[in-house]
Amino acid sequence: MLMSGDKAPDFRALDGGGREVSLRDFRGKKVVLYFYPRDNTSGCTREACDFRDNMTRLVRRKTAVIGVSPDSVASHEKFSTKLNLPFTLVSDPSHQIAEAYGVWVEKNLYGKKSMGIERSTFLIDGDGTILRIFRKVKVVGHVDEVLEALSAKG
């Protein structure tokens, strides 16, 4: 399991525009890498909008935002356009990125077990080192927690 101080696993994947994106592309900037279960669901929409609405504060801290879910490139494109998201959404249909970060987990909903994304956020520095990990994220107030952690890390 990844911990603060570990190197963040690099990845190459397509974003909502069909462009190849790598974590390495963001070297020199802090990155908020957040994993969410699914486009167009209430919690995921709220989380994306909270990051969108705080982009000015994040950019001031030289921080980029990348959202990752198993949804398709086309789904990300529609979701991003609909919500006017000013950050990158990465498609991870094979769960390789989620598995590398340890967030593809067994979930139990009303007694039914299935695999899915554990809503999680990784704060990564400009050199690719994990500064902080937020697991089992509760959407309400999460962006404020991230901003507070960014302020504490300088």
C-alpha atoms as a PDB file:
ATOM      1  CA  MET A   1       0.000   0.000   0.000  1.00  0.00           C
ATOM      2  CA  LEU A   2       1.298   3.441  -0.920  1.00  0.00           C
ATOM      3  CA  MET A   3       2.228   5.845   1.851  1.00  0.00           C
ATOM      4  CA  SER A   4       3.267   9.480   2.159  1.00  0.00           C
ATOM      5  CA  GLY A   5       6.888   9.798   1.063  1.00  0.00           C
ATOM      6  CA  ASP A   6       6.576   7.123  -1.647  1.00  0.00           C
ATOM      7  CA  LYS A   7       7.086   7.925  -5.314  1.00  0.00           C
ATOM      8  CA  ALA A   8       3.718   8.256  -7.040  1.00  0.00           C
ATOM      9  CA  PRO A   9       3.277   5.585  -9.727  1.00  0.00           C
ATOM     10  CA  ASP A  10       3.529   7.159 -13.170  1.00  0.00           C
ATOM     11  CA  PHE A  11       0.866   6.353 -15.738  1.00  0.00           C
ATOM     12  CA  ARG A  12      -0.038   6.963 -19.355  1.00  0.00           C
ATOM     13  CA  ALA A  13      -3.730   7.172 -20.219  1.00  0.00           C
ATOM     14  CA  LEU A  14      -6.187   9.086 -22.366  1.00  0.00           C
ATOM     15  CA  ASP A  15      -8.000  12.163 -21.137  1.00  0.00           C
ATOM     16  CA  GLY A  16     -11.519  13.277 -22.031  1.00  0.00           C
ATOM     17  CA  GLY A  17     -10.241  14.831 -25.236  1.00  0.00           C
ATOM     18  CA  GLY A  18      -8.519  11.619 -26.335  1.00  0.00           C
ATOM     19  CA  ARG A  19      -5.026  13.011 -25.663  1.00  0.00           C
ATOM     20  CA  GLU A  20      -2.396  10.898 -23.932  1.00  0.00           C
ATOM     21  CA  VAL A  21      -1.596  12.158 -20.452  1.00  0.00           C
ATOM     22  CA  SER A  22       1.148  11.117 -18.064  1.00  0.00           C
ATOM     23  CA  LEU A  23       1.720  12.075 -14.453  1.00  0.00           C
ATOM     24  CA  ARG A  24       5.243  12.971 -15.586  1.00  0.00           C
ATOM     25  CA  ASP A  25       3.713  15.737 -17.765  1.00  0.00           C
ATOM     26  CA  PHE A  26       2.970  17.631 -14.544  1.00  0.00           C
ATOM     27  CA  ARG A  27       6.498  17.583 -13.068  1.00  0.00           C
ATOM     28  CA  GLY A  28       7.348  20.867 -11.398  1.00  0.00           C
ATOM     29  CA  LYS A  29       3.779  21.339 -10.174  1.00  0.00           C
ATOM     30  CA  LYS A  30       1.957  19.850  -7.266  1.00  0.00           C
ATOM     31  CA  VAL A  31      -0.830  17.516  -8.361  1.00  0.00           C
ATOM     32  CA  VAL A  32      -4.123  16.648  -6.767  1.00  0.00           C
ATOM     33  CA  LEU A  33      -4.809  13.184  -8.191  1.00  0.00           C
ATOM     34  CA  TYR A  34      -8.307  12.189  -7.218  1.00  0.00           C
ATOM     35  CA  PHE A  35     -10.060   8.906  -7.912  1.00  0.00           C
ATOM     36  CA  TYR A  36     -13.827   8.822  -8.166  1.00  0.00           C
ATOM     37  CA  PRO A  37     -16.289   6.030  -8.992  1.00  0.00           C
ATOM     38  CA  ARG A  38     -18.332   7.349 -11.890  1.00  0.00           C
ATOM     39  CA  ASP A  39     -19.186  10.354 -14.059  1.00  0.00           C
ATOM     40  CA  ASN A  40     -22.630  11.926 -13.645  1.00  0.00           C
ATOM     41  CA  THR A  41     -23.430  10.569 -10.195  1.00  0.00           C
ATOM     42  CA  SER A  42     -24.364  12.942  -7.403  1.00  0.00           C
ATOM     43  CA  GLY A  43     -21.233  12.576  -5.235  1.00  0.00           C
ATOM     44  CA  CYS A  44     -18.831  12.563  -8.179  1.00  0.00           C
ATOM     45  CA  THR A  45     -20.511  15.594  -9.728  1.00  0.00           C
ATOM     46  CA  ARG A  46     -20.321  17.484  -6.435  1.00  0.00           C
ATOM     47  CA  GLU A  47     -16.633  16.604  -5.997  1.00  0.00           C
ATOM     48  CA  ALA A  48     -15.753  17.697  -9.550  1.00  0.00           C
ATOM     49  CA  CYS A  49     -17.666  20.959  -9.118  1.00  0.00           C
ATOM     50  CA  ASP A  50     -15.938  21.635  -5.785  1.00  0.00           C
ATOM     51  CA  PHE A  51     -12.527  21.259  -7.439  1.00  0.00           C
ATOM     52  CA  ARG A  52     -13.720  23.418 -10.379  1.00  0.00           C
ATOM     53  CA  ASP A  53     -14.993  26.136  -8.050  1.00  0.00           C
ATOM     54  CA  ASN A  54     -11.657  26.241  -6.211  1.00  0.00           C
ATOM     55  CA  MET A  55      -9.309  26.166  -9.212  1.00  0.00           C
ATOM     56  CA  THR A  56      -8.146  29.738  -8.658  1.00  0.00           C
ATOM     57  CA  ARG A  57      -7.002  28.832  -5.146  1.00  0.00           C
ATOM     58  CA  LEU A  58      -5.319  25.658  -6.442  1.00  0.00           C
ATOM     59  CA  VAL A  59      -3.563  27.417  -9.334  1.00  0.00           C
ATOM     60  CA  ARG A  60      -2.240  30.035  -6.893  1.00  0.00           C
ATOM     61  CA  ARG A  61      -0.550  27.130  -5.113  1.00  0.00           C
ATOM     62  CA  LYS A  62       0.926  25.926  -8.440  1.00  0.00           C
ATOM     63  CA  THR A  63      -1.261  22.834  -8.265  1.00  0.00           C
ATOM     64  CA  ALA A  64      -2.861  20.860 -11.093  1.00  0.00           C
ATOM     65  CA  VAL A  65      -5.909  18.614 -10.697  1.00  0.00           C
ATOM     66  CA  ILE A  66      -6.373  15.234 -12.370  1.00  0.00           C
ATOM     67  CA  GLY A  67      -9.514  13.160 -11.879  1.00  0.00           C
ATOM     68  CA  VAL A  68      -9.421   9.408 -12.598  1.00  0.00           C
ATOM     69  CA  SER A  69     -12.325   6.989 -13.025  1.00  0.00           C
ATOM     70  CA  PRO A  70     -13.036   3.847 -15.044  1.00  0.00           C
ATOM     71  CA  ASP A  71     -15.374   5.791 -17.349  1.00  0.00           C
ATOM     72  CA  SER A  72     -14.660   6.027 -21.073  1.00  0.00           C
ATOM     73  CA  VAL A  73     -12.980   8.915 -22.861  1.00  0.00           C
ATOM     74  CA  ALA A  74     -16.352   9.864 -24.383  1.00  0.00           C
ATOM     75  CA  SER A  75     -18.042   9.861 -20.965  1.00  0.00           C
ATOM     76  CA  HIS A  76     -15.290  12.094 -19.540  1.00  0.00           C
ATOM     77  CA  GLU A  77     -15.600  14.472 -22.470  1.00  0.00           C
ATOM     78  CA  LYS A  78     -19.367  14.865 -21.923  1.00  0.00           C
ATOM     79  CA  PHE A  79     -19.001  15.159 -18.133  1.00  0.00           C
ATOM     80  CA  SER A  80     -16.233  17.743 -18.422  1.00  0.00           C
ATOM     81  CA  THR A  81     -18.120  19.795 -21.024  1.00  0.00           C
ATOM     82  CA  LYS A  82     -21.404  19.659 -19.102  1.00  0.00           C
ATOM     83  CA  LEU A  83     -19.752  20.906 -15.891  1.00  0.00           C
ATOM     84  CA  ASN A  84     -17.189  23.200 -17.566  1.00  0.00           C
ATOM     85  CA  LEU A  85     -14.322  21.469 -15.767  1.00  0.00           C
ATOM     86  CA  PRO A  86     -10.966  23.263 -16.160  1.00  0.00           C
ATOM     87  CA  PHE A  87      -8.866  20.205 -15.303  1.00  0.00           C
ATOM     88  CA  THR A  88      -7.951  16.825 -16.745  1.00  0.00           C
ATOM     89  CA  LEU A  89     -10.113  13.723 -16.411  1.00  0.00           C
ATOM     90  CA  VAL A  90      -8.300  10.469 -17.157  1.00  0.00           C
ATOM     91  CA  SER A  91      -9.989   7.302 -18.390  1.00  0.00           C
ATOM     92  CA  ASP A  92      -8.912   4.123 -16.578  1.00  0.00           C
ATOM     93  CA  PRO A  93     -11.228   1.381 -17.946  1.00  0.00           C
ATOM     94  CA  SER A  94      -8.758  -1.425 -17.199  1.00  0.00           C
ATOM     95  CA  HIS A  95      -8.246  -0.136 -13.619  1.00  0.00           C
ATOM     96  CA  GLN A  96      -4.450  -0.166 -14.018  1.00  0.00           C
ATOM     97  CA  ILE A  97      -3.997   3.276 -12.499  1.00  0.00           C
ATOM     98  CA  ALA A  98      -6.471   2.579  -9.690  1.00  0.00           C
ATOM     99  CA  GLU A  99      -4.728  -0.718  -8.928  1.00  0.00           C
ATOM    100  CA  ALA A 100      -1.290   0.952  -8.894  1.00  0.00           C
ATOM    101  CA  TYR A 101      -2.602   3.425  -6.305  1.00  0.00           C
ATOM    102  CA  GLY A 102      -4.422   0.734  -4.287  1.00  0.00           C
ATOM    103  CA  VAL A 103      -7.882   2.230  -4.760  1.00  0.00           C
ATOM    104  CA  TRP A 104      -9.472  -0.575  -6.836  1.00  0.00           C
ATOM    105  CA  VAL A 105     -11.049  -2.472  -3.958  1.00  0.00           C
ATOM    106  CA  GLU A 106     -13.814  -4.874  -3.056  1.00  0.00           C
ATOM    107  CA  LYS A 107     -16.918  -2.988  -2.006  1.00  0.00           C
ATOM    108  CA  ASN A 108     -19.953  -4.279  -0.176  1.00  0.00           C
ATOM    109  CA  LEU A 109     -23.262  -2.548  -0.920  1.00  0.00           C
ATOM    110  CA  TYR A 110     -26.365  -4.006   0.705  1.00  0.00           C
ATOM    111  CA  GLY A 111     -24.667  -7.384   0.996  1.00  0.00           C
ATOM    112  CA  LYS A 112     -23.579  -7.454  -2.652  1.00  0.00           C
ATOM    113  CA  LYS A 113     -19.822  -7.535  -3.189  1.00  0.00           C
ATOM    114  CA  SER A 114     -18.223  -5.972  -6.246  1.00  0.00           C
ATOM    115  CA  MET A 115     -14.990  -4.301  -7.258  1.00  0.00           C
ATOM    116  CA  GLY A 116     -14.874  -0.530  -7.569  1.00  0.00           C
ATOM    117  CA  ILE A 117     -13.053   2.705  -6.858  1.00  0.00           C
ATOM    118  CA  GLU A 118     -12.514   3.741  -3.256  1.00  0.00           C
ATOM    119  CA  ARG A 119     -12.904   7.518  -3.446  1.00  0.00           C
ATOM    120  CA  SER A 120      -9.371   8.703  -2.663  1.00  0.00           C
ATOM    121  CA  THR A 121      -7.075  11.660  -3.266  1.00  0.00           C
ATOM    122  CA  PHE A 122      -3.295  11.788  -3.533  1.00  0.00           C
ATOM    123  CA  LEU A 123      -1.422  15.060  -3.074  1.00  0.00           C
ATOM    124  CA  ILE A 124       1.827  14.795  -5.051  1.00  0.00           C
ATOM    125  CA  ASP A 125       4.730  17.249  -5.096  1.00  0.00           C
ATOM    126  CA  GLY A 126       6.536  18.584  -8.159  1.00  0.00           C
ATOM    127  CA  ASP A 127       9.100  15.770  -8.004  1.00  0.00           C
ATOM    128  CA  GLY A 128       6.470  13.024  -7.988  1.00  0.00           C
ATOM    129  CA  THR A 129       6.557  12.224  -4.279  1.00  0.00           C
ATOM    130  CA  ILE A 130       3.308  11.592  -2.425  1.00  0.00           C
ATOM    131  CA  LEU A 131       2.843  14.282   0.211  1.00  0.00           C
ATOM    132  CA  ARG A 132      -0.519  13.159   1.600  1.00  0.00           C
ATOM    133  CA  ILE A 133      -3.157  10.509   0.977  1.00  0.00           C
ATOM    134  CA  PHE A 134      -6.851  10.911   1.678  1.00  0.00           C
ATOM    135  CA  ARG A 135      -8.697   7.557   1.675  1.00  0.00           C
ATOM    136  CA  LYS A 136     -12.438   6.869   1.889  1.00  0.00           C
ATOM    137  CA  VAL A 137     -13.062  10.523   1.071  1.00  0.00           C
ATOM    138  CA  LYS A 138     -16.297  12.174   2.113  1.00  0.00           C
ATOM    139  CA  VAL A 139     -17.109  14.689  -0.620  1.00  0.00           C
ATOM    140  CA  VAL A 140     -18.467  17.515   1.534  1.00  0.00           C
ATOM    141  CA  GLY A 141     -15.535  19.587   2.792  1.00  0.00           C
ATOM    142  CA  HIS A 142     -12.904  17.503   0.999  1.00  0.00           C
ATOM    143  CA  VAL A 143     -11.544  20.286  -1.217  1.00  0.00           C
ATOM    144  CA  ASP A 144     -11.050  22.436   1.889  1.00  0.00           C
ATOM    145  CA  GLU A 145      -9.024  19.564   3.439  1.00  0.00           C
ATOM    146  CA  VAL A 146      -6.885  19.417   0.301  1.00  0.00           C
ATOM    147  CA  LEU A 147      -6.333  23.183   0.291  1.00  0.00           C
ATOM    148  CA  GLU A 148      -5.391  23.089   3.974  1.00  0.00           C
ATOM    149  CA  ALA A 149      -2.881  20.288   3.302  1.00  0.00           C
ATOM    150  CA  LEU A 150      -1.410  22.284   0.399  1.00  0.00           C
ATOM    151  CA  SER A 151      -0.982  25.309   2.661  1.00  0.00           C
ATOM    152  CA  ALA A 152       0.716  23.171   5.318  1.00  0.00           C
ATOM    153  CA  LYS A 153       3.114  21.695   2.717  1.00  0.00           C
ATOM    154  CA  GLY A 154       4.098  25.125   1.426  1.00  0.00           C
END
